[in-house]
Amino acid sequence: MQIQNHYEAFRMGLWLAVTAPTDAQSDDALRMAESIAGYLSDDEIERAKAEVEARIDLVNSGKLV
């Protein structure tokens, strides 16, 4: 998967922050996402958060591996 825009980069940063194997890596990913957030609207930020939360729910339910 190749990231095409700031929205995709932000969403990936959020996902990596949640799934990172260490706290340090999670912190790095979150800092990256926060720096990209400045290029997005509030609506885009909220939509990306909702998409990541939905993906987390799917993983936790066993429907997505």
N, C-alpha and C. Protein backbone atom coordinates (compact mmCIF):
# COMPACT_ATOMS: atom_id res chain seq x y z
N MET A 1 0.84 -1.18 0.00
CA MET A 1 0.00 0.00 0.00
C MET A 1 0.88 1.24 0.00
N GLN A 2 0.57 2.13 -0.89
CA GLN A 2 1.31 3.38 -0.97
C GLN A 2 0.40 4.52 -0.51
N ILE A 3 0.91 5.33 0.39
CA ILE A 3 0.13 6.45 0.92
C ILE A 3 0.06 7.53 -0.15
N GLN A 4 -1.17 8.00 -0.41
CA GLN A 4 -1.40 8.94 -1.51
C GLN A 4 -1.59 10.39 -1.05
N ASN A 5 -1.93 10.61 0.22
CA ASN A 5 -2.24 11.98 0.65
C ASN A 5 -2.11 12.10 2.17
N HIS A 6 -2.30 13.32 2.65
CA HIS A 6 -2.17 13.57 4.09
C HIS A 6 -3.18 12.77 4.90
N TYR A 7 -4.39 12.63 4.38
CA TYR A 7 -5.42 11.89 5.10
C TYR A 7 -4.99 10.45 5.34
N GLU A 8 -4.51 9.80 4.29
CA GLU A 8 -4.07 8.41 4.42
C GLU A 8 -2.87 8.31 5.36
N ALA A 9 -1.97 9.27 5.30
CA ALA A 9 -0.79 9.26 6.18
C ALA A 9 -1.22 9.43 7.64
N PHE A 10 -2.17 10.32 7.88
CA PHE A 10 -2.67 10.54 9.23
C PHE A 10 -3.33 9.27 9.77
N ARG A 11 -4.20 8.68 8.96
CA ARG A 11 -4.90 7.46 9.38
C ARG A 11 -3.90 6.34 9.65
N MET A 12 -2.89 6.20 8.82
CA MET A 12 -1.87 5.17 9.04
C MET A 12 -1.08 5.46 10.31
N GLY A 13 -0.78 6.72 10.57
CA GLY A 13 -0.08 7.08 11.80
C GLY A 13 -0.88 6.70 13.03
N LEU A 14 -2.19 6.94 12.98
CA LEU A 14 -3.05 6.54 14.10
C LEU A 14 -3.03 5.03 14.28
N TRP A 15 -3.16 4.31 13.16
CA TRP A 15 -3.17 2.84 13.23
C TRP A 15 -1.84 2.32 13.80
N LEU A 16 -0.74 2.88 13.35
CA LEU A 16 0.56 2.45 13.85
C LEU A 16 0.73 2.79 15.33
N ALA A 17 0.18 3.91 15.74
CA ALA A 17 0.26 4.28 17.16
C ALA A 17 -0.47 3.26 18.03
N VAL A 18 -1.55 2.72 17.53
CA VAL A 18 -2.34 1.75 18.28
C VAL A 18 -1.70 0.37 18.26
N THR A 19 -1.08 0.01 17.14
CA THR A 19 -0.59 -1.36 16.97
C THR A 19 0.91 -1.52 17.18
N ALA A 20 1.60 -0.45 17.45
CA ALA A 20 3.06 -0.52 17.62
C ALA A 20 3.44 -1.47 18.75
N PRO A 21 4.51 -2.21 18.56
CA PRO A 21 4.90 -3.19 19.57
C PRO A 21 5.50 -2.59 20.85
N THR A 22 5.95 -1.35 20.78
CA THR A 22 6.53 -0.74 21.98
C THR A 22 5.90 0.64 22.20
N ASP A 23 5.99 1.10 23.43
CA ASP A 23 5.49 2.44 23.74
C ASP A 23 6.25 3.51 22.97
N ALA A 24 7.55 3.33 22.82
CA ALA A 24 8.36 4.33 22.10
C ALA A 24 7.92 4.42 20.65
N GLN A 25 7.67 3.28 20.02
CA GLN A 25 7.22 3.29 18.63
C GLN A 25 5.82 3.89 18.52
N SER A 26 4.98 3.59 19.48
CA SER A 26 3.64 4.16 19.50
C SER A 26 3.71 5.68 19.62
N ASP A 27 4.56 6.16 20.51
CA ASP A 27 4.74 7.60 20.69
C ASP A 27 5.24 8.26 19.40
N ASP A 28 6.19 7.60 18.72
CA ASP A 28 6.71 8.14 17.46
C ASP A 28 5.61 8.24 16.41
N ALA A 29 4.81 7.20 16.30
CA ALA A 29 3.72 7.20 15.31
C ALA A 29 2.68 8.27 15.65
N LEU A 30 2.38 8.43 16.92
CA LEU A 30 1.42 9.44 17.32
C LEU A 30 1.94 10.84 17.04
N ARG A 31 3.22 11.08 17.28
CA ARG A 31 3.82 12.39 16.96
C ARG A 31 3.73 12.66 15.46
N MET A 32 3.99 11.61 14.67
CA MET A 32 3.89 11.76 13.22
C MET A 32 2.46 12.14 12.83
N ALA A 33 1.49 11.42 13.37
CA ALA A 33 0.09 11.69 13.06
C ALA A 33 -0.29 13.11 13.48
N GLU A 34 0.15 13.52 14.64
CA GLU A 34 -0.17 14.86 15.12
C GLU A 34 0.42 15.93 14.19
N SER A 35 1.61 15.69 13.67
CA SER A 35 2.21 16.68 12.78
C SER A 35 1.46 16.75 11.44
N ILE A 36 0.90 15.65 11.00
CA ILE A 36 0.16 15.62 9.74
C ILE A 36 -1.24 16.22 9.93
N ALA A 37 -1.77 16.13 11.13
CA ALA A 37 -3.14 16.61 11.39
C ALA A 37 -3.32 18.07 11.01
N GLY A 38 -2.27 18.85 11.05
CA GLY A 38 -2.36 20.26 10.70
C GLY A 38 -2.75 20.50 9.25
N TYR A 39 -2.62 19.49 8.41
CA TYR A 39 -2.98 19.60 7.00
C TYR A 39 -4.43 19.18 6.74
N LEU A 40 -5.13 18.73 7.78
CA LEU A 40 -6.47 18.18 7.62
C LEU A 40 -7.51 19.05 8.30
N SER A 41 -8.73 18.93 7.83
CA SER A 41 -9.84 19.61 8.48
C SER A 41 -10.25 18.81 9.72
N ASP A 42 -11.01 19.45 10.59
CA ASP A 42 -11.51 18.74 11.78
C ASP A 42 -12.36 17.54 11.37
N ASP A 43 -13.14 17.69 10.33
CA ASP A 43 -13.98 16.58 9.86
C ASP A 43 -13.14 15.41 9.38
N GLU A 44 -12.06 15.70 8.67
CA GLU A 44 -11.18 14.63 8.19
C GLU A 44 -10.51 13.91 9.36
N ILE A 45 -10.10 14.67 10.37
CA ILE A 45 -9.48 14.07 11.55
C ILE A 45 -10.46 13.14 12.25
N GLU A 46 -11.67 13.61 12.44
CA GLU A 46 -12.67 12.78 13.11
C GLU A 46 -13.03 11.54 12.29
N ARG A 47 -13.10 11.69 10.97
CA ARG A 47 -13.40 10.55 10.11
C ARG A 47 -12.29 9.50 10.18
N ALA A 48 -11.04 9.95 10.17
CA ALA A 48 -9.92 9.02 10.26
C ALA A 48 -9.93 8.29 11.61
N LYS A 49 -10.19 9.02 12.68
CA LYS A 49 -10.27 8.39 14.00
C LYS A 49 -11.37 7.33 14.03
N ALA A 50 -12.52 7.64 13.44
CA ALA A 50 -13.63 6.69 13.41
C ALA A 50 -13.27 5.46 12.60
N GLU A 51 -12.56 5.64 11.49
CA GLU A 51 -12.16 4.50 10.67
C GLU A 51 -11.19 3.60 11.42
N VAL A 52 -10.25 4.21 12.13
CA VAL A 52 -9.29 3.41 12.90
C VAL A 52 -10.01 2.68 14.03
N GLU A 53 -10.91 3.36 14.71
CA GLU A 53 -11.67 2.71 15.79
C GLU A 53 -12.50 1.54 15.25
N ALA A 54 -13.10 1.71 14.08
CA ALA A 54 -13.88 0.63 13.48
C ALA A 54 -12.99 -0.55 13.13
N ARG A 55 -11.79 -0.27 12.64
CA ARG A 55 -10.85 -1.36 12.32
C ARG A 55 -10.41 -2.07 13.58
N ILE A 56 -10.17 -1.33 14.64
CA ILE A 56 -9.80 -1.95 15.92
C ILE A 56 -10.92 -2.86 16.40
N ASP A 57 -12.16 -2.39 16.28
CA ASP A 57 -13.31 -3.21 16.68
C ASP A 57 -13.37 -4.50 15.88
N LEU A 58 -13.09 -4.43 14.57
CA LEU A 58 -13.09 -5.62 13.74
C LEU A 58 -12.00 -6.59 14.17
N VAL A 59 -10.83 -6.07 14.46
CA VAL A 59 -9.72 -6.93 14.89
C VAL A 59 -10.07 -7.58 16.23
N ASN A 60 -10.60 -6.80 17.15
CA ASN A 60 -10.93 -7.34 18.48
C ASN A 60 -12.05 -8.37 18.41
N SER A 61 -12.93 -8.24 17.43
CA SER A 61 -14.03 -9.20 17.30
C SER A 61 -13.62 -10.45 16.53
N GLY A 62 -12.41 -10.45 16.00
CA GLY A 62 -11.94 -11.60 15.24
C GLY A 62 -12.36 -11.60 13.79
N LYS A 63 -13.01 -10.55 13.34
CA LYS A 63 -13.49 -10.48 11.96
C LYS A 63 -12.43 -9.97 11.00
N LEU A 64 -11.36 -9.41 11.53
CA LEU A 64 -10.25 -8.91 10.71
C LEU A 64 -8.97 -9.27 11.42
N VAL A 65 -8.08 -9.85 10.67
CA VAL A 65 -6.79 -10.27 11.25
C VAL A 65 -5.70 -9.40 10.72
